[in-house]
Amino acid sequence: MADVNIDHFSSEEILEINDKLPLEEDIIEISDLFKNFSDSTRVKILFALVIKELCVQDIADLFSMSQSAISHQLRVLRASRLVKARREGKNIFYSLDDDHIRDILSIGLEHVKEV
């Protein structure tokens, strides 16, 4: 059996890589952010909000779901700062919290469509 010679990084190089990593709190926050994208209903809601600001009833009609199911998902998305809400009379309209969310969705879609 042939010997396998694998070069490893030096301790200094390992420390240099470690110093360039994000802070642990930031890594946890990013992990929590991406957990939101593990639910296909939430992802569909986000893609709909890329197109237009919508109220709960609009989203429920769009996806043939109950208002309570959509409201639950919107609460999760608001808590994660992915969507924001504004009141107009009796209606609450939802939109993406900022353009970063649009970018994340666009890059994610581009990635999964790669051949």
C-alpha atoms as a PDB file:
ATOM      1  CA  MET A   1       0.000   0.000   0.000  1.00  0.00           C
ATOM      2  CA  ALA A   2       1.419   3.386  -1.015  1.00  0.00           C
ATOM      3  CA  ASP A   3       1.982   6.057   1.585  1.00  0.00           C
ATOM      4  CA  VAL A   4      -0.273   9.079   1.220  1.00  0.00           C
ATOM      5  CA  ASN A   5       1.495  12.358   1.800  1.00  0.00           C
ATOM      6  CA  ILE A   6      -0.919  15.148   2.600  1.00  0.00           C
ATOM      7  CA  ASP A   7       0.360  18.620   3.379  1.00  0.00           C
ATOM      8  CA  HIS A   8      -1.484  20.337   6.202  1.00  0.00           C
ATOM      9  CA  PHE A   9      -1.589  23.994   7.053  1.00  0.00           C
ATOM     10  CA  SER A  10       0.786  25.254   9.700  1.00  0.00           C
ATOM     11  CA  SER A  11      -0.503  26.429  13.065  1.00  0.00           C
ATOM     12  CA  GLU A  12       0.037  30.024  11.954  1.00  0.00           C
ATOM     13  CA  GLU A  13      -2.047  29.480   8.818  1.00  0.00           C
ATOM     14  CA  ILE A  14      -4.823  27.878  10.855  1.00  0.00           C
ATOM     15  CA  LEU A  15      -4.835  30.866  13.226  1.00  0.00           C
ATOM     16  CA  GLU A  16      -4.938  33.255  10.263  1.00  0.00           C
ATOM     17  CA  ILE A  17      -7.973  31.458   8.819  1.00  0.00           C
ATOM     18  CA  ASN A  18      -9.641  31.411  12.231  1.00  0.00           C
ATOM     19  CA  ASP A  19      -9.069  35.165  12.652  1.00  0.00           C
ATOM     20  CA  LYS A  20     -10.882  35.813   9.362  1.00  0.00           C
ATOM     21  CA  LEU A  21     -13.996  33.845  10.306  1.00  0.00           C
ATOM     22  CA  PRO A  22     -17.103  35.800  11.340  1.00  0.00           C
ATOM     23  CA  LEU A  23     -17.867  36.112  15.045  1.00  0.00           C
ATOM     24  CA  GLU A  24     -19.703  33.153  16.588  1.00  0.00           C
ATOM     25  CA  GLU A  25     -22.777  35.321  17.311  1.00  0.00           C
ATOM     26  CA  ASP A  26     -22.908  36.347  13.643  1.00  0.00           C
ATOM     27  CA  ILE A  27     -22.601  32.738  12.492  1.00  0.00           C
ATOM     28  CA  ILE A  28     -25.500  31.750  14.758  1.00  0.00           C
ATOM     29  CA  GLU A  29     -27.590  34.648  13.429  1.00  0.00           C
ATOM     30  CA  ILE A  30     -26.849  33.664   9.816  1.00  0.00           C
ATOM     31  CA  SER A  31     -27.754  30.067  10.624  1.00  0.00           C
ATOM     32  CA  ASP A  32     -31.059  31.242  12.113  1.00  0.00           C
ATOM     33  CA  LEU A  33     -31.698  33.405   9.043  1.00  0.00           C
ATOM     34  CA  PHE A  34     -31.215  30.487   6.665  1.00  0.00           C
ATOM     35  CA  LYS A  35     -33.537  28.263   8.720  1.00  0.00           C
ATOM     36  CA  ASN A  36     -36.354  30.440   7.378  1.00  0.00           C
ATOM     37  CA  PHE A  37     -35.557  29.265   3.867  1.00  0.00           C
ATOM     38  CA  SER A  38     -36.082  25.611   4.839  1.00  0.00           C
ATOM     39  CA  ASP A  39     -39.859  26.057   4.675  1.00  0.00           C
ATOM     40  CA  SER A  40     -41.238  26.155   1.115  1.00  0.00           C
ATOM     41  CA  THR A  41     -44.314  28.178   2.131  1.00  0.00           C
ATOM     42  CA  ARG A  42     -42.133  30.923   3.573  1.00  0.00           C
ATOM     43  CA  VAL A  43     -39.962  30.917   0.449  1.00  0.00           C
ATOM     44  CA  LYS A  44     -43.054  31.212  -1.771  1.00  0.00           C
ATOM     45  CA  ILE A  45     -44.311  34.127   0.331  1.00  0.00           C
ATOM     46  CA  LEU A  46     -40.951  35.863   0.024  1.00  0.00           C
ATOM     47  CA  PHE A  47     -40.879  35.406  -3.758  1.00  0.00           C
ATOM     48  CA  ALA A  48     -44.418  36.821  -3.986  1.00  0.00           C
ATOM     49  CA  LEU A  49     -43.315  39.837  -1.946  1.00  0.00           C
ATOM     50  CA  VAL A  50     -40.413  40.387  -4.349  1.00  0.00           C
ATOM     51  CA  ILE A  51     -43.086  41.135  -6.948  1.00  0.00           C
ATOM     52  CA  LYS A  52     -45.527  43.192  -4.915  1.00  0.00           C
ATOM     53  CA  GLU A  53     -46.564  44.271  -1.436  1.00  0.00           C
ATOM     54  CA  LEU A  54     -49.474  42.054  -0.340  1.00  0.00           C
ATOM     55  CA  CYS A  55     -51.939  41.639   2.518  1.00  0.00           C
ATOM     56  CA  VAL A  56     -52.628  38.333   4.287  1.00  0.00           C
ATOM     57  CA  GLN A  57     -55.781  37.679   2.255  1.00  0.00           C
ATOM     58  CA  ASP A  58     -53.918  38.263  -1.028  1.00  0.00           C
ATOM     59  CA  ILE A  59     -51.232  35.769  -0.026  1.00  0.00           C
ATOM     60  CA  ALA A  60     -53.800  33.249   1.235  1.00  0.00           C
ATOM     61  CA  ASP A  61     -55.684  33.480  -2.068  1.00  0.00           C
ATOM     62  CA  LEU A  62     -52.482  33.253  -4.088  1.00  0.00           C
ATOM     63  CA  PHE A  63     -51.420  29.983  -2.456  1.00  0.00           C
ATOM     64  CA  SER A  64     -54.901  28.589  -1.635  1.00  0.00           C
ATOM     65  CA  MET A  65     -54.130  28.549   2.065  1.00  0.00           C
ATOM     66  CA  SER A  66     -55.953  29.760   5.161  1.00  0.00           C
ATOM     67  CA  GLN A  67     -55.368  33.242   6.510  1.00  0.00           C
ATOM     68  CA  SER A  68     -54.255  31.768   9.831  1.00  0.00           C
ATOM     69  CA  ALA A  69     -51.595  29.603   8.137  1.00  0.00           C
ATOM     70  CA  ILE A  70     -50.277  32.610   6.212  1.00  0.00           C
ATOM     71  CA  SER A  71     -50.394  34.834   9.309  1.00  0.00           C
ATOM     72  CA  HIS A  72     -48.322  32.278  11.193  1.00  0.00           C
ATOM     73  CA  GLN A  73     -45.666  32.216   8.466  1.00  0.00           C
ATOM     74  CA  LEU A  74     -45.632  36.027   8.281  1.00  0.00           C
ATOM     75  CA  ARG A  75     -45.069  36.228  12.061  1.00  0.00           C
ATOM     76  CA  VAL A  76     -42.032  33.976  11.672  1.00  0.00           C
ATOM     77  CA  LEU A  77     -40.730  36.057   8.759  1.00  0.00           C
ATOM     78  CA  ARG A  78     -41.283  39.330  10.649  1.00  0.00           C
ATOM     79  CA  ALA A  79     -39.506  38.002  13.736  1.00  0.00           C
ATOM     80  CA  SER A  80     -36.527  37.188  11.508  1.00  0.00           C
ATOM     81  CA  ARG A  81     -36.620  40.664   9.931  1.00  0.00           C
ATOM     82  CA  LEU A  82     -37.278  39.233   6.461  1.00  0.00           C
ATOM     83  CA  VAL A  83     -40.581  41.056   5.995  1.00  0.00           C
ATOM     84  CA  LYS A  84     -42.049  44.261   7.353  1.00  0.00           C
ATOM     85  CA  ALA A  85     -45.646  45.358   7.752  1.00  0.00           C
ATOM     86  CA  ARG A  86     -47.532  48.599   7.323  1.00  0.00           C
ATOM     87  CA  ARG A  87     -51.115  49.293   8.299  1.00  0.00           C
ATOM     88  CA  GLU A  88     -53.565  50.941   5.927  1.00  0.00           C
ATOM     89  CA  GLY A  89     -56.983  51.202   7.537  1.00  0.00           C
ATOM     90  CA  LYS A  90     -57.997  47.705   8.613  1.00  0.00           C
ATOM     91  CA  ASN A  91     -55.480  46.011   6.336  1.00  0.00           C
ATOM     92  CA  ILE A  92     -51.860  45.184   7.026  1.00  0.00           C
ATOM     93  CA  PHE A  93     -49.618  45.028   3.982  1.00  0.00           C
ATOM     94  CA  TYR A  94     -46.400  43.046   3.924  1.00  0.00           C
ATOM     95  CA  SER A  95     -43.242  43.659   1.933  1.00  0.00           C
ATOM     96  CA  LEU A  96     -39.631  42.542   2.018  1.00  0.00           C
ATOM     97  CA  ASP A  97     -37.701  44.129   4.860  1.00  0.00           C
ATOM     98  CA  ASP A  98     -34.894  45.275   2.551  1.00  0.00           C
ATOM     99  CA  ASP A  99     -33.157  44.615  -0.755  1.00  0.00           C
ATOM    100  CA  HIS A 100     -30.788  42.082   0.828  1.00  0.00           C
ATOM    101  CA  ILE A 101     -33.683  39.629   0.992  1.00  0.00           C
ATOM    102  CA  ARG A 102     -34.367  40.096  -2.718  1.00  0.00           C
ATOM    103  CA  ASP A 103     -30.657  39.477  -3.399  1.00  0.00           C
ATOM    104  CA  ILE A 104     -30.578  36.306  -1.272  1.00  0.00           C
ATOM    105  CA  LEU A 105     -33.599  34.918  -3.128  1.00  0.00           C
ATOM    106  CA  SER A 106     -32.185  35.858  -6.523  1.00  0.00           C
ATOM    107  CA  ILE A 107     -28.801  34.279  -5.807  1.00  0.00           C
ATOM    108  CA  GLY A 108     -30.470  31.170  -4.368  1.00  0.00           C
ATOM    109  CA  LEU A 109     -32.650  30.764  -7.455  1.00  0.00           C
ATOM    110  CA  GLU A 110     -29.664  31.314  -9.730  1.00  0.00           C
ATOM    111  CA  HIS A 111     -27.742  28.644  -7.812  1.00  0.00           C
ATOM    112  CA  VAL A 112     -30.449  25.974  -8.041  1.00  0.00           C
ATOM    113  CA  LYS A 113     -30.947  26.648 -11.761  1.00  0.00           C
ATOM    114  CA  GLU A 114     -27.262  26.061 -12.557  1.00  0.00           C
ATOM    115  CA  VAL A 115     -26.772  23.075 -14.796  1.00  0.00           C
END
